[in-house]
Amino acid sequence: MKNILGKYWFEVSVGLLYVVLLFVFPDKTFFAFKEGIWLLVKMLPIFVCVVLFSSFLSIFLSPKTVQRVMGKESGFKGVVLGTLFGTLIVGPLWILFPLYRTFLRKGARVAVVGAMIGAFAIKTPWIPYAAGFLGWPFILITVVLTMLYAVLEGYLIEKAISTK
């Protein structure tokens, strides 16, 4: 029991908070619970697709390939490729964490995965749409600065993790 509480302390805390709030604000708590379930149902198809895609990569993508393209030997080019790949990914970020974990387990460099997460802020299909409102100069500067930051972020995360 203590092991379960230690491993799932956040989930247990949220559950206990819901029980307490159910007695204090029953209508609001029930409404919040209902909305949370509805959000879970809406996100479930995306979550299943990402899990299946991560599983597919886990099975069919060899560690040798990941290490060559995204590993330590990929150098700066691998971080830039990770940044470019991060701009192409769509969907909610929290649902992509299993994909990033798969890359790390297969031997991807921390800097590459960090750059992918940083570059996720750029939504490539939305660039023309955003440029229609904000103008091409603004969007291009934003994209370039975000990509530069993503590369820097990747290296900073790798440095911070390697010093532990």
C-alpha atoms as a PDB file:
ATOM      1  CA  MET A   1       0.000   0.000   0.000  1.00  0.00           C
ATOM      2  CA  LYS A   2       2.807   2.383   0.902  1.00  0.00           C
ATOM      3  CA  ASN A   3       4.519   1.587  -2.413  1.00  0.00           C
ATOM      4  CA  ILE A   4       1.320   2.415  -4.323  1.00  0.00           C
ATOM      5  CA  LEU A   5       0.907   5.703  -2.443  1.00  0.00           C
ATOM      6  CA  GLY A   6       4.527   6.594  -3.134  1.00  0.00           C
ATOM      7  CA  LYS A   7       4.290   5.786  -6.822  1.00  0.00           C
ATOM      8  CA  TYR A   8       0.856   7.323  -7.445  1.00  0.00           C
ATOM      9  CA  TRP A   9       0.870  10.151  -4.897  1.00  0.00           C
ATOM     10  CA  PHE A  10      -0.470  12.716  -7.389  1.00  0.00           C
ATOM     11  CA  GLU A  11      -3.379  10.565  -8.547  1.00  0.00           C
ATOM     12  CA  VAL A  12      -4.296   9.663  -4.955  1.00  0.00           C
ATOM     13  CA  SER A  13      -4.110  13.346  -3.938  1.00  0.00           C
ATOM     14  CA  VAL A  14      -6.429  14.387  -6.779  1.00  0.00           C
ATOM     15  CA  GLY A  15      -8.867  11.602  -5.890  1.00  0.00           C
ATOM     16  CA  LEU A  16      -8.934  12.651  -2.232  1.00  0.00           C
ATOM     17  CA  LEU A  17      -9.376  16.291  -3.242  1.00  0.00           C
ATOM     18  CA  TYR A  18     -12.358  15.310  -5.399  1.00  0.00           C
ATOM     19  CA  VAL A  19     -13.932  13.445  -2.469  1.00  0.00           C
ATOM     20  CA  VAL A  20     -13.463  16.447  -0.142  1.00  0.00           C
ATOM     21  CA  LEU A  21     -14.796  18.886  -2.737  1.00  0.00           C
ATOM     22  CA  LEU A  22     -17.759  16.597  -3.401  1.00  0.00           C
ATOM     23  CA  PHE A  23     -18.921  17.276   0.151  1.00  0.00           C
ATOM     24  CA  VAL A  24     -18.135  21.005   0.070  1.00  0.00           C
ATOM     25  CA  PHE A  25     -19.368  21.852  -3.471  1.00  0.00           C
ATOM     26  CA  PRO A  26     -21.329  18.835  -4.718  1.00  0.00           C
ATOM     27  CA  ASP A  27     -22.826  20.479  -7.833  1.00  0.00           C
ATOM     28  CA  LYS A  28     -19.599  22.085  -9.026  1.00  0.00           C
ATOM     29  CA  THR A  29     -17.539  18.966  -8.289  1.00  0.00           C
ATOM     30  CA  PHE A  30     -19.926  16.712 -10.185  1.00  0.00           C
ATOM     31  CA  PHE A  31     -19.921  19.153 -13.116  1.00  0.00           C
ATOM     32  CA  ALA A  32     -16.097  19.263 -13.106  1.00  0.00           C
ATOM     33  CA  PHE A  33     -15.919  15.462 -12.969  1.00  0.00           C
ATOM     34  CA  LYS A  34     -18.380  15.188 -15.868  1.00  0.00           C
ATOM     35  CA  GLU A  35     -16.353  17.693 -17.927  1.00  0.00           C
ATOM     36  CA  GLY A  36     -13.143  15.793 -17.156  1.00  0.00           C
ATOM     37  CA  ILE A  37     -14.663  12.516 -18.314  1.00  0.00           C
ATOM     38  CA  TRP A  38     -15.937  14.205 -21.497  1.00  0.00           C
ATOM     39  CA  LEU A  39     -12.446  15.606 -22.198  1.00  0.00           C
ATOM     40  CA  LEU A  40     -10.953  12.153 -21.633  1.00  0.00           C
ATOM     41  CA  VAL A  41     -13.426  10.616 -24.099  1.00  0.00           C
ATOM     42  CA  LYS A  42     -12.611  13.303 -26.691  1.00  0.00           C
ATOM     43  CA  MET A  43      -8.852  12.805 -26.276  1.00  0.00           C
ATOM     44  CA  LEU A  44      -8.967   9.003 -26.209  1.00  0.00           C
ATOM     45  CA  PRO A  45      -8.795   8.491 -30.012  1.00  0.00           C
ATOM     46  CA  ILE A  46      -5.747  10.762 -30.265  1.00  0.00           C
ATOM     47  CA  PHE A  47      -4.132   9.055 -27.303  1.00  0.00           C
ATOM     48  CA  VAL A  48      -4.720   5.602 -28.798  1.00  0.00           C
ATOM     49  CA  CYS A  49      -3.236   6.710 -32.143  1.00  0.00           C
ATOM     50  CA  VAL A  50      -0.115   8.091 -30.472  1.00  0.00           C
ATOM     51  CA  VAL A  51       0.307   4.970 -28.349  1.00  0.00           C
ATOM     52  CA  LEU A  52      -0.043   2.777 -31.446  1.00  0.00           C
ATOM     53  CA  PHE A  53       2.417   4.987 -33.362  1.00  0.00           C
ATOM     54  CA  SER A  54       4.887   4.854 -30.458  1.00  0.00           C
ATOM     55  CA  SER A  55       4.473   1.081 -30.296  1.00  0.00           C
ATOM     56  CA  PHE A  56       5.037   0.848 -34.044  1.00  0.00           C
ATOM     57  CA  LEU A  57       8.237   2.887 -33.741  1.00  0.00           C
ATOM     58  CA  SER A  58       9.330   0.872 -30.742  1.00  0.00           C
ATOM     59  CA  ILE A  59       9.016  -2.375 -32.686  1.00  0.00           C
ATOM     60  CA  PHE A  60      10.091  -1.422 -36.195  1.00  0.00           C
ATOM     61  CA  LEU A  61      12.575   1.403 -35.644  1.00  0.00           C
ATOM     62  CA  SER A  62      15.924  -0.102 -34.760  1.00  0.00           C
ATOM     63  CA  PRO A  63      18.047   1.430 -32.026  1.00  0.00           C
ATOM     64  CA  LYS A  64      20.906   1.599 -34.541  1.00  0.00           C
ATOM     65  CA  THR A  65      18.855   3.881 -36.824  1.00  0.00           C
ATOM     66  CA  VAL A  66      17.743   6.131 -33.955  1.00  0.00           C
ATOM     67  CA  GLN A  67      21.309   6.374 -32.666  1.00  0.00           C
ATOM     68  CA  ARG A  68      22.617   7.219 -36.147  1.00  0.00           C
ATOM     69  CA  VAL A  69      19.999   9.908 -36.871  1.00  0.00           C
ATOM     70  CA  MET A  70      19.239  11.202 -33.366  1.00  0.00           C
ATOM     71  CA  GLY A  71      22.007   9.833 -31.137  1.00  0.00           C
ATOM     72  CA  LYS A  72      25.260  11.293 -29.860  1.00  0.00           C
ATOM     73  CA  GLU A  73      27.026  10.630 -33.147  1.00  0.00           C
ATOM     74  CA  SER A  74      24.457  12.738 -35.027  1.00  0.00           C
ATOM     75  CA  GLY A  75      25.950  15.905 -33.505  1.00  0.00           C
ATOM     76  CA  PHE A  76      24.519  19.309 -34.335  1.00  0.00           C
ATOM     77  CA  LYS A  77      22.810  17.911 -37.444  1.00  0.00           C
ATOM     78  CA  GLY A  78      20.739  15.568 -35.262  1.00  0.00           C
ATOM     79  CA  VAL A  79      19.575  18.442 -33.052  1.00  0.00           C
ATOM     80  CA  VAL A  80      18.581  20.472 -36.113  1.00  0.00           C
ATOM     81  CA  LEU A  81      16.736  17.440 -37.566  1.00  0.00           C
ATOM     82  CA  GLY A  82      14.960  17.008 -34.222  1.00  0.00           C
ATOM     83  CA  THR A  83      13.969  20.662 -34.345  1.00  0.00           C
ATOM     84  CA  LEU A  84      12.575  20.288 -37.857  1.00  0.00           C
ATOM     85  CA  PHE A  85      10.738  17.094 -36.892  1.00  0.00           C
ATOM     86  CA  GLY A  86       9.282  18.874 -33.846  1.00  0.00           C
ATOM     87  CA  THR A  87       7.681  21.501 -36.096  1.00  0.00           C
ATOM     88  CA  LEU A  88       5.822  18.808 -38.044  1.00  0.00           C
ATOM     89  CA  ILE A  89       4.230  17.106 -35.026  1.00  0.00           C
ATOM     90  CA  VAL A  90       0.640  18.069 -34.317  1.00  0.00           C
ATOM     91  CA  GLY A  91      -1.638  17.238 -31.409  1.00  0.00           C
ATOM     92  CA  PRO A  92      -1.461  17.964 -27.704  1.00  0.00           C
ATOM     93  CA  LEU A  93       2.061  17.874 -26.282  1.00  0.00           C
ATOM     94  CA  TRP A  94       1.191  15.813 -23.220  1.00  0.00           C
ATOM     95  CA  ILE A  95       0.037  12.963 -25.373  1.00  0.00           C
ATOM     96  CA  LEU A  96       3.363  12.836 -27.240  1.00  0.00           C
ATOM     97  CA  PHE A  97       5.494  12.061 -24.200  1.00  0.00           C
ATOM     98  CA  PRO A  98       5.349   8.276 -24.851  1.00  0.00           C
ATOM     99  CA  LEU A  99       6.776   8.963 -28.324  1.00  0.00           C
ATOM    100  CA  TYR A 100       9.634  10.999 -26.870  1.00  0.00           C
ATOM    101  CA  ARG A 101      10.279   8.274 -24.296  1.00  0.00           C
ATOM    102  CA  THR A 102      10.499   5.714 -27.109  1.00  0.00           C
ATOM    103  CA  PHE A 103      13.112   7.841 -28.869  1.00  0.00           C
ATOM    104  CA  LEU A 104      15.156   8.180 -25.661  1.00  0.00           C
ATOM    105  CA  ARG A 105      14.982   4.440 -24.963  1.00  0.00           C
ATOM    106  CA  LYS A 106      16.143   3.706 -28.500  1.00  0.00           C
ATOM    107  CA  GLY A 107      19.219   5.875 -27.987  1.00  0.00           C
ATOM    108  CA  ALA A 108      18.187   9.362 -29.060  1.00  0.00           C
ATOM    109  CA  ARG A 109      20.196  12.174 -27.586  1.00  0.00           C
ATOM    110  CA  VAL A 110      18.510  14.244 -24.874  1.00  0.00           C
ATOM    111  CA  ALA A 111      19.340  17.433 -26.808  1.00  0.00           C
ATOM    112  CA  VAL A 112      17.432  16.117 -29.847  1.00  0.00           C
ATOM    113  CA  VAL A 113      14.310  15.288 -27.854  1.00  0.00           C
ATOM    114  CA  GLY A 114      14.525  18.619 -26.002  1.00  0.00           C
ATOM    115  CA  ALA A 115      14.769  20.448 -29.326  1.00  0.00           C
ATOM    116  CA  MET A 116      11.751  18.505 -30.625  1.00  0.00           C
ATOM    117  CA  ILE A 117       9.713  19.576 -27.618  1.00  0.00           C
ATOM    118  CA  GLY A 118      10.843  23.201 -27.981  1.00  0.00           C
ATOM    119  CA  ALA A 119      10.072  23.280 -31.709  1.00  0.00           C
ATOM    120  CA  PHE A 120       6.634  21.827 -31.067  1.00  0.00           C
ATOM    121  CA  ALA A 121       5.517  25.442 -30.485  1.00  0.00           C
ATOM    122  CA  ILE A 122       5.706  25.947 -34.256  1.00  0.00           C
ATOM    123  CA  LYS A 123       2.712  24.532 -36.070  1.00  0.00           C
ATOM    124  CA  THR A 124       3.899  24.275 -39.686  1.00  0.00           C
ATOM    125  CA  PRO A 125       0.404  23.904 -41.213  1.00  0.00           C
ATOM    126  CA  TRP A 126      -0.719  27.060 -39.405  1.00  0.00           C
ATOM    127  CA  ILE A 127       2.084  29.316 -40.642  1.00  0.00           C
ATOM    128  CA  PRO A 128       0.223  30.631 -43.729  1.00  0.00           C
ATOM    129  CA  TYR A 129      -2.933  31.141 -41.671  1.00  0.00           C
ATOM    130  CA  ALA A 130      -1.058  33.075 -38.982  1.00  0.00           C
ATOM    131  CA  ALA A 131       0.792  35.104 -41.614  1.00  0.00           C
ATOM    132  CA  GLY A 132      -2.560  36.237 -43.002  1.00  0.00           C
ATOM    133  CA  PHE A 133      -3.261  37.928 -39.664  1.00  0.00           C
ATOM    134  CA  LEU A 134       0.175  38.957 -38.473  1.00  0.00           C
ATOM    135  CA  GLY A 135       2.137  39.297 -41.716  1.00  0.00           C
ATOM    136  CA  TRP A 136       4.971  37.228 -43.154  1.00  0.00           C
ATOM    137  CA  PRO A 137       7.825  39.221 -41.564  1.00  0.00           C
ATOM    138  CA  PHE A 138       6.406  38.710 -38.071  1.00  0.00           C
ATOM    139  CA  ILE A 139       5.771  34.981 -38.612  1.00  0.00           C
ATOM    140  CA  LEU A 140       9.150  34.303 -40.210  1.00  0.00           C
ATOM    141  CA  ILE A 141      10.999  36.059 -37.384  1.00  0.00           C
ATOM    142  CA  THR A 142       8.906  34.163 -34.842  1.00  0.00           C
ATOM    143  CA  VAL A 143       9.609  30.812 -36.515  1.00  0.00           C
ATOM    144  CA  VAL A 144      13.347  31.448 -36.813  1.00  0.00           C
ATOM    145  CA  LEU A 145      13.666  32.620 -33.202  1.00  0.00           C
ATOM    146  CA  THR A 146      11.572  29.686 -31.939  1.00  0.00           C
ATOM    147  CA  MET A 147      13.744  27.218 -33.847  1.00  0.00           C
ATOM    148  CA  LEU A 148      16.933  28.820 -32.523  1.00  0.00           C
ATOM    149  CA  TYR A 149      15.499  28.671 -29.020  1.00  0.00           C
ATOM    150  CA  ALA A 150      14.524  25.010 -29.538  1.00  0.00           C
ATOM    151  CA  VAL A 151      18.112  24.117 -30.447  1.00  0.00           C
ATOM    152  CA  LEU A 152      19.406  26.053 -27.434  1.00  0.00           C
ATOM    153  CA  GLU A 153      16.756  24.450 -25.218  1.00  0.00           C
ATOM    154  CA  GLY A 154      17.825  20.992 -26.331  1.00  0.00           C
ATOM    155  CA  TYR A 155      21.450  21.650 -25.440  1.00  0.00           C
ATOM    156  CA  LEU A 156      20.516  23.265 -22.096  1.00  0.00           C
ATOM    157  CA  ILE A 157      18.317  20.316 -21.122  1.00  0.00           C
ATOM    158  CA  GLU A 158      21.056  17.870 -22.059  1.00  0.00           C
ATOM    159  CA  LYS A 159      23.621  19.857 -20.062  1.00  0.00           C
ATOM    160  CA  ALA A 160      21.309  20.107 -17.018  1.00  0.00           C
ATOM    161  CA  ILE A 161      20.529  16.384 -17.085  1.00  0.00           C
ATOM    162  CA  SER A 162      24.146  15.309 -17.624  1.00  0.00           C
ATOM    163  CA  THR A 163      25.303  17.257 -14.539  1.00  0.00           C
ATOM    164  CA  LYS A 164      23.048  15.226 -12.229  1.00  0.00           C
END
